[in-house]
N, C-alpha and C. Protein backbone atom coordinates (compact mmCIF):
# COMPACT_ATOMS: atom_id res chain seq x y z
N MET A 1 0.84 -1.17 0.00
CA MET A 1 0.00 0.00 0.00
C MET A 1 0.89 1.25 0.00
N LEU A 2 0.58 2.17 -0.87
CA LEU A 2 1.31 3.42 -0.99
C LEU A 2 0.54 4.48 -0.21
N ARG A 3 1.24 5.16 0.72
CA ARG A 3 0.57 6.13 1.58
C ARG A 3 1.57 7.17 2.07
N LEU A 4 1.02 8.24 2.63
CA LEU A 4 1.87 9.23 3.26
C LEU A 4 2.56 8.60 4.46
N ALA A 5 3.76 9.00 4.72
CA ALA A 5 4.53 8.47 5.85
C ALA A 5 4.05 9.05 7.17
N THR A 6 4.28 8.29 8.23
CA THR A 6 3.95 8.73 9.58
C THR A 6 5.15 8.49 10.49
N GLU A 7 5.07 8.94 11.72
CA GLU A 7 6.16 8.71 12.68
C GLU A 7 6.42 7.21 12.89
N GLN A 8 5.40 6.38 12.75
CA GLN A 8 5.58 4.93 12.93
C GLN A 8 6.50 4.34 11.86
N ASP A 9 6.67 5.02 10.76
CA ASP A 9 7.55 4.53 9.70
C ASP A 9 9.02 4.76 10.01
N PHE A 10 9.30 5.61 10.97
CA PHE A 10 10.69 5.93 11.27
C PHE A 10 11.52 4.71 11.64
N GLU A 11 10.94 3.80 12.40
CA GLU A 11 11.70 2.64 12.88
C GLU A 11 12.28 1.81 11.74
N TRP A 12 11.47 1.48 10.74
CA TRP A 12 11.99 0.62 9.67
C TRP A 12 12.84 1.37 8.67
N THR A 13 12.73 2.69 8.61
CA THR A 13 13.57 3.45 7.68
C THR A 13 14.88 3.91 8.31
N ALA A 14 14.98 3.82 9.62
CA ALA A 14 16.17 4.33 10.32
C ALA A 14 17.46 3.68 9.85
N ALA A 15 17.41 2.41 9.51
CA ALA A 15 18.63 1.72 9.06
C ALA A 15 19.09 2.25 7.69
N ILE A 16 18.16 2.74 6.91
CA ILE A 16 18.49 3.24 5.57
C ILE A 16 18.84 4.73 5.62
N ALA A 17 18.07 5.49 6.36
CA ALA A 17 18.25 6.94 6.44
C ALA A 17 18.12 7.38 7.89
N PRO A 18 19.19 7.30 8.67
CA PRO A 18 19.14 7.55 10.10
C PRO A 18 18.59 8.91 10.51
N ASN A 19 18.74 9.93 9.70
CA ASN A 19 18.29 11.27 10.08
C ASN A 19 16.93 11.64 9.52
N TRP A 20 16.24 10.70 8.92
CA TRP A 20 14.96 10.97 8.27
C TRP A 20 13.84 11.10 9.28
N ARG A 21 12.95 12.04 9.02
CA ARG A 21 11.71 12.18 9.77
C ARG A 21 10.59 12.41 8.75
N PRO A 22 9.44 11.78 8.93
CA PRO A 22 8.33 12.00 7.99
C PRO A 22 7.96 13.47 7.91
N SER A 23 7.54 13.87 6.74
CA SER A 23 7.06 15.23 6.52
C SER A 23 5.80 15.15 5.68
N SER A 24 5.25 16.29 5.36
CA SER A 24 4.03 16.30 4.57
C SER A 24 4.26 15.85 3.14
N ALA A 25 5.50 15.70 2.75
CA ALA A 25 5.81 15.27 1.38
C ALA A 25 6.67 14.01 1.40
N SER A 26 6.30 13.06 2.24
CA SER A 26 7.02 11.79 2.32
C SER A 26 6.03 10.65 2.13
N TRP A 27 6.41 9.71 1.30
CA TRP A 27 5.55 8.55 1.05
C TRP A 27 6.31 7.26 1.29
N VAL A 28 5.57 6.22 1.67
CA VAL A 28 6.14 4.89 1.84
C VAL A 28 5.32 3.91 1.00
N LEU A 29 5.99 2.85 0.59
CA LEU A 29 5.35 1.80 -0.20
C LEU A 29 5.62 0.46 0.47
N ASP A 30 4.63 -0.04 1.20
CA ASP A 30 4.68 -1.38 1.80
C ASP A 30 5.97 -1.72 2.52
N LYS A 31 6.55 -0.80 3.23
CA LYS A 31 7.83 -1.02 3.92
C LYS A 31 8.89 -1.58 2.98
N LYS A 32 8.77 -1.23 1.71
CA LYS A 32 9.74 -1.66 0.71
C LYS A 32 10.51 -0.48 0.14
N ALA A 33 9.89 0.69 0.17
CA ALA A 33 10.50 1.88 -0.40
C ALA A 33 9.90 3.12 0.23
N PHE A 34 10.67 4.22 0.22
CA PHE A 34 10.15 5.49 0.67
C PHE A 34 10.83 6.63 -0.08
N ALA A 35 10.13 7.75 -0.14
CA ALA A 35 10.66 8.94 -0.80
C ALA A 35 10.32 10.17 0.04
N ILE A 36 11.28 11.09 0.09
CA ILE A 36 11.11 12.32 0.84
C ILE A 36 11.33 13.49 -0.13
N TRP A 37 10.37 14.38 -0.18
CA TRP A 37 10.41 15.53 -1.06
C TRP A 37 10.39 16.82 -0.25
N GLN A 38 10.93 17.86 -0.84
CA GLN A 38 10.85 19.20 -0.30
C GLN A 38 10.08 20.03 -1.32
N ILE A 39 9.10 20.77 -0.86
CA ILE A 39 8.27 21.56 -1.76
C ILE A 39 8.50 23.05 -1.50
N ALA A 40 8.71 23.80 -2.57
CA ALA A 40 8.83 25.26 -2.49
C ALA A 40 8.01 25.85 -3.64
N VAL A 41 6.86 26.35 -3.31
CA VAL A 41 5.90 26.93 -4.25
C VAL A 41 5.54 25.89 -5.31
N ASP A 42 6.06 26.00 -6.53
CA ASP A 42 5.70 25.05 -7.59
C ASP A 42 6.87 24.15 -7.99
N GLU A 43 7.91 24.10 -7.16
CA GLU A 43 9.06 23.23 -7.41
C GLU A 43 9.20 22.21 -6.29
N CYS A 44 9.58 21.01 -6.67
CA CYS A 44 9.79 19.93 -5.69
C CYS A 44 11.17 19.35 -5.91
N GLU A 45 11.84 19.08 -4.80
CA GLU A 45 13.15 18.45 -4.87
C GLU A 45 13.09 17.11 -4.14
N LEU A 46 13.56 16.08 -4.80
CA LEU A 46 13.66 14.77 -4.17
C LEU A 46 14.87 14.80 -3.25
N LEU A 47 14.62 14.70 -1.95
CA LEU A 47 15.71 14.72 -0.98
C LEU A 47 16.28 13.34 -0.76
N TYR A 48 15.42 12.33 -0.80
CA TYR A 48 15.89 10.97 -0.53
C TYR A 48 14.88 9.97 -1.06
N ILE A 49 15.38 8.94 -1.71
CA ILE A 49 14.54 7.81 -2.10
C ILE A 49 15.35 6.55 -1.81
N ALA A 50 14.66 5.55 -1.30
CA ALA A 50 15.35 4.29 -1.00
C ALA A 50 14.39 3.14 -1.23
N VAL A 51 14.95 2.06 -1.75
CA VAL A 51 14.23 0.80 -1.90
C VAL A 51 15.04 -0.24 -1.15
N GLU A 52 14.35 -1.02 -0.31
CA GLU A 52 15.03 -2.08 0.45
C GLU A 52 15.87 -2.93 -0.51
N GLN A 53 17.05 -3.30 -0.08
CA GLN A 53 18.00 -4.05 -0.91
C GLN A 53 17.35 -5.26 -1.59
N ALA A 54 16.59 -6.06 -0.84
CA ALA A 54 15.98 -7.28 -1.38
C ALA A 54 14.85 -6.99 -2.37
N GLU A 55 14.38 -5.75 -2.42
CA GLU A 55 13.25 -5.40 -3.27
C GLU A 55 13.64 -4.63 -4.52
N ARG A 56 14.92 -4.38 -4.69
CA ARG A 56 15.38 -3.60 -5.85
C ARG A 56 15.18 -4.37 -7.14
N GLY A 57 14.93 -3.63 -8.19
CA GLY A 57 14.74 -4.22 -9.51
C GLY A 57 13.34 -4.77 -9.74
N LYS A 58 12.42 -4.50 -8.83
CA LYS A 58 11.05 -5.02 -8.95
C LYS A 58 10.04 -3.93 -9.33
N GLY A 59 10.51 -2.74 -9.62
CA GLY A 59 9.63 -1.68 -10.06
C GLY A 59 9.07 -0.79 -8.96
N PHE A 60 9.47 -1.02 -7.71
CA PHE A 60 8.92 -0.22 -6.61
C PHE A 60 9.35 1.25 -6.71
N GLY A 61 10.56 1.50 -7.14
CA GLY A 61 11.02 2.88 -7.30
C GLY A 61 10.19 3.62 -8.33
N MET A 62 9.89 2.97 -9.44
CA MET A 62 9.08 3.58 -10.49
C MET A 62 7.67 3.88 -9.98
N VAL A 63 7.05 2.92 -9.32
CA VAL A 63 5.70 3.12 -8.78
C VAL A 63 5.69 4.29 -7.79
N LEU A 64 6.66 4.31 -6.91
CA LEU A 64 6.74 5.36 -5.91
C LEU A 64 6.93 6.74 -6.55
N MET A 65 7.86 6.84 -7.48
CA MET A 65 8.12 8.12 -8.14
C MET A 65 6.89 8.59 -8.92
N GLU A 66 6.25 7.70 -9.66
CA GLU A 66 5.07 8.10 -10.43
C GLU A 66 3.96 8.60 -9.51
N HIS A 67 3.77 7.92 -8.39
CA HIS A 67 2.76 8.34 -7.42
C HIS A 67 3.10 9.72 -6.86
N CYS A 68 4.34 9.91 -6.48
CA CYS A 68 4.75 11.20 -5.93
C CYS A 68 4.55 12.32 -6.95
N HIS A 69 4.94 12.07 -8.18
CA HIS A 69 4.75 13.09 -9.22
C HIS A 69 3.28 13.47 -9.34
N LYS A 70 2.42 12.47 -9.37
CA LYS A 70 0.98 12.72 -9.51
C LYS A 70 0.45 13.53 -8.32
N GLU A 71 0.79 13.10 -7.11
CA GLU A 71 0.31 13.79 -5.92
C GLU A 71 0.85 15.22 -5.82
N LEU A 72 2.12 15.40 -6.09
CA LEU A 72 2.72 16.73 -5.99
C LEU A 72 2.23 17.65 -7.11
N ALA A 73 2.01 17.10 -8.30
CA ALA A 73 1.45 17.90 -9.40
C ALA A 73 0.05 18.37 -9.04
N ALA A 74 -0.72 17.53 -8.37
CA ALA A 74 -2.07 17.91 -7.94
C ALA A 74 -2.03 19.06 -6.92
N GLN A 75 -0.89 19.19 -6.25
CA GLN A 75 -0.69 20.28 -5.29
C GLN A 75 -0.09 21.52 -5.95
N GLY A 76 0.13 21.45 -7.27
CA GLY A 76 0.63 22.60 -8.01
C GLY A 76 2.07 22.53 -8.48
N ALA A 77 2.74 21.43 -8.26
CA ALA A 77 4.14 21.30 -8.69
C ALA A 77 4.23 21.36 -10.21
N LYS A 78 5.22 22.10 -10.70
CA LYS A 78 5.47 22.19 -12.13
C LYS A 78 6.85 21.66 -12.51
N SER A 79 7.74 21.58 -11.53
CA SER A 79 9.10 21.10 -11.78
C SER A 79 9.54 20.19 -10.65
N PHE A 80 10.30 19.17 -11.01
CA PHE A 80 10.87 18.24 -10.04
C PHE A 80 12.38 18.21 -10.27
N PHE A 81 13.13 18.26 -9.18
CA PHE A 81 14.59 18.24 -9.24
C PHE A 81 15.12 17.12 -8.37
N LEU A 82 16.33 16.66 -8.70
CA LEU A 82 17.02 15.68 -7.86
C LEU A 82 18.50 15.68 -8.18
N GLU A 83 19.27 15.18 -7.24
CA GLU A 83 20.69 14.90 -7.45
C GLU A 83 20.86 13.40 -7.35
N VAL A 84 21.74 12.85 -8.16
CA VAL A 84 22.01 11.42 -8.15
C VAL A 84 23.51 11.21 -8.36
N LYS A 85 24.04 10.21 -7.68
CA LYS A 85 25.46 9.91 -7.86
C LYS A 85 25.73 9.57 -9.31
N LYS A 86 26.80 10.11 -9.83
CA LYS A 86 27.17 9.91 -11.22
C LYS A 86 27.35 8.43 -11.54
N SER A 87 27.74 7.65 -10.55
CA SER A 87 27.98 6.21 -10.75
C SER A 87 26.71 5.36 -10.63
N ASN A 88 25.57 5.94 -10.26
CA ASN A 88 24.35 5.17 -10.02
C ASN A 88 23.56 5.01 -11.32
N ALA A 89 24.04 4.13 -12.17
CA ALA A 89 23.45 3.94 -13.50
C ALA A 89 21.99 3.50 -13.43
N ALA A 90 21.64 2.65 -12.48
CA ALA A 90 20.26 2.16 -12.37
C ALA A 90 19.31 3.31 -12.05
N ALA A 91 19.69 4.17 -11.11
CA ALA A 91 18.84 5.30 -10.75
C ALA A 91 18.74 6.29 -11.90
N ILE A 92 19.85 6.56 -12.56
CA ILE A 92 19.83 7.49 -13.69
C ILE A 92 18.91 6.96 -14.79
N ALA A 93 18.96 5.67 -15.06
CA ALA A 93 18.09 5.08 -16.08
C ALA A 93 16.62 5.22 -15.67
N LEU A 94 16.32 5.00 -14.40
CA LEU A 94 14.95 5.16 -13.90
C LEU A 94 14.48 6.60 -14.10
N TYR A 95 15.30 7.55 -13.70
CA TYR A 95 14.91 8.95 -13.80
C TYR A 95 14.71 9.36 -15.26
N LYS A 96 15.55 8.87 -16.14
CA LYS A 96 15.37 9.18 -17.57
C LYS A 96 14.05 8.60 -18.08
N LYS A 97 13.71 7.38 -17.65
CA LYS A 97 12.43 6.78 -18.04
C LYS A 97 11.26 7.63 -17.57
N LEU A 98 11.42 8.27 -16.44
CA LEU A 98 10.38 9.11 -15.87
C LEU A 98 10.33 10.51 -16.49
N GLY A 99 11.25 10.80 -17.40
CA GLY A 99 11.24 12.09 -18.10
C GLY A 99 12.20 13.13 -17.56
N TYR A 100 13.08 12.74 -16.66
CA TYR A 100 14.09 13.67 -16.15
C TYR A 100 15.20 13.86 -17.17
N GLU A 101 15.74 15.07 -17.18
CA GLU A 101 16.88 15.39 -18.05
C GLU A 101 18.00 15.97 -17.20
N LYS A 102 19.22 15.66 -17.58
CA LYS A 102 20.39 16.21 -16.89
C LYS A 102 20.46 17.70 -17.18
N ILE A 103 20.63 18.50 -16.12
CA ILE A 103 20.77 19.94 -16.32
C ILE A 103 22.12 20.46 -15.86
N SER A 104 22.81 19.72 -14.99
CA SER A 104 24.15 20.14 -14.57
C SER A 104 24.80 19.03 -13.75
N GLU A 105 26.03 19.31 -13.31
CA GLU A 105 26.75 18.41 -12.41
C GLU A 105 27.26 19.22 -11.24
N ARG A 106 27.39 18.54 -10.10
CA ARG A 106 27.99 19.15 -8.91
C ARG A 106 29.22 18.33 -8.55
N LYS A 107 30.35 18.93 -8.71
CA LYS A 107 31.62 18.24 -8.46
C LYS A 107 31.79 17.96 -6.96
N LYS A 108 32.22 16.75 -6.66
CA LYS A 108 32.52 16.34 -5.29
C LYS A 108 31.36 16.64 -4.33
N TYR A 109 30.15 16.41 -4.78
CA TYR A 109 28.94 16.73 -4.01
C TYR A 109 28.75 15.82 -2.81
N TYR A 110 29.04 14.54 -2.98
CA TYR A 110 28.82 13.57 -1.91
C TYR A 110 30.02 13.47 -0.99
N SER A 111 29.79 12.98 0.23
CA SER A 111 30.85 12.93 1.25
C SER A 111 32.05 12.10 0.82
N ASN A 112 31.83 11.15 -0.10
CA ASN A 112 32.96 10.33 -0.57
C ASN A 112 33.69 10.99 -1.75
N GLY A 113 33.31 12.22 -2.09
CA GLY A 113 33.97 12.95 -3.17
C GLY A 113 33.37 12.72 -4.54
N GLU A 114 32.34 11.88 -4.61
CA GLU A 114 31.74 11.58 -5.91
C GLU A 114 30.91 12.77 -6.41
N ASP A 115 30.90 12.92 -7.73
CA ASP A 115 30.11 13.97 -8.36
C ASP A 115 28.63 13.59 -8.38
N ALA A 116 27.79 14.61 -8.42
CA ALA A 116 26.34 14.41 -8.55
C ALA A 116 25.89 14.94 -9.90
N ILE A 117 24.91 14.28 -10.45
CA ILE A 117 24.23 14.77 -11.64
C ILE A 117 22.92 15.39 -11.15
N VAL A 118 22.64 16.60 -11.58
CA VAL A 118 21.40 17.28 -11.24
C VAL A 118 20.44 17.07 -12.42
N MET A 119 19.25 16.59 -12.10
CA MET A 119 18.25 16.29 -13.13
C MET A 119 16.96 17.05 -12.83
N ARG A 120 16.22 17.33 -13.90
CA ARG A 120 14.95 18.04 -13.76
C ARG A 120 13.90 17.44 -14.67
N LYS A 121 12.68 17.46 -14.18
CA LYS A 121 11.50 17.05 -14.95
C LYS A 121 10.50 18.19 -14.82
N SER A 122 10.02 18.69 -15.94
CA SER A 122 8.99 19.73 -15.93
C SER A 122 7.69 19.14 -16.41
N ILE A 123 6.60 19.64 -15.82
CA ILE A 123 5.29 19.16 -16.24
C ILE A 123 4.39 20.35 -16.50
N ASN A 124 3.32 20.10 -17.20
CA ASN A 124 2.32 21.12 -17.48
C ASN A 124 1.06 20.74 -16.73
N ASN A 125 0.60 21.56 -15.82
CA ASN A 125 -0.57 21.28 -14.99
C ASN A 125 -1.88 21.81 -15.56
N ASN A 126 -1.92 22.14 -16.78
CA ASN A 126 -3.16 22.71 -17.36
C ASN A 126 -4.29 21.73 -17.34
């Protein structure tokens, strides 16, 4: 079941994202995946998405992202942004399937010194 996150979700997500707390723009999918967004007027930024290791490659990330896009667009979102590790080919492929395009890179963005690719998806809410 895909739903908004609650404080009760913190326990199972703590191993994946220790500093995460549910917000009004956080969703969970059957304790298999979760996504955290930040909303500013008509722009949304994906702060964190995770799929449990044993559940990867089963389409949960796609389902979660599509749901979030739909819900956030209904709230007025027109643009979605995210950063992804340059080496994360699976995530980059998923984001491209969802209509994201690379707009820039951030050198040494991650704590391990890896570069980030910044991607954006624009939608029309008419």
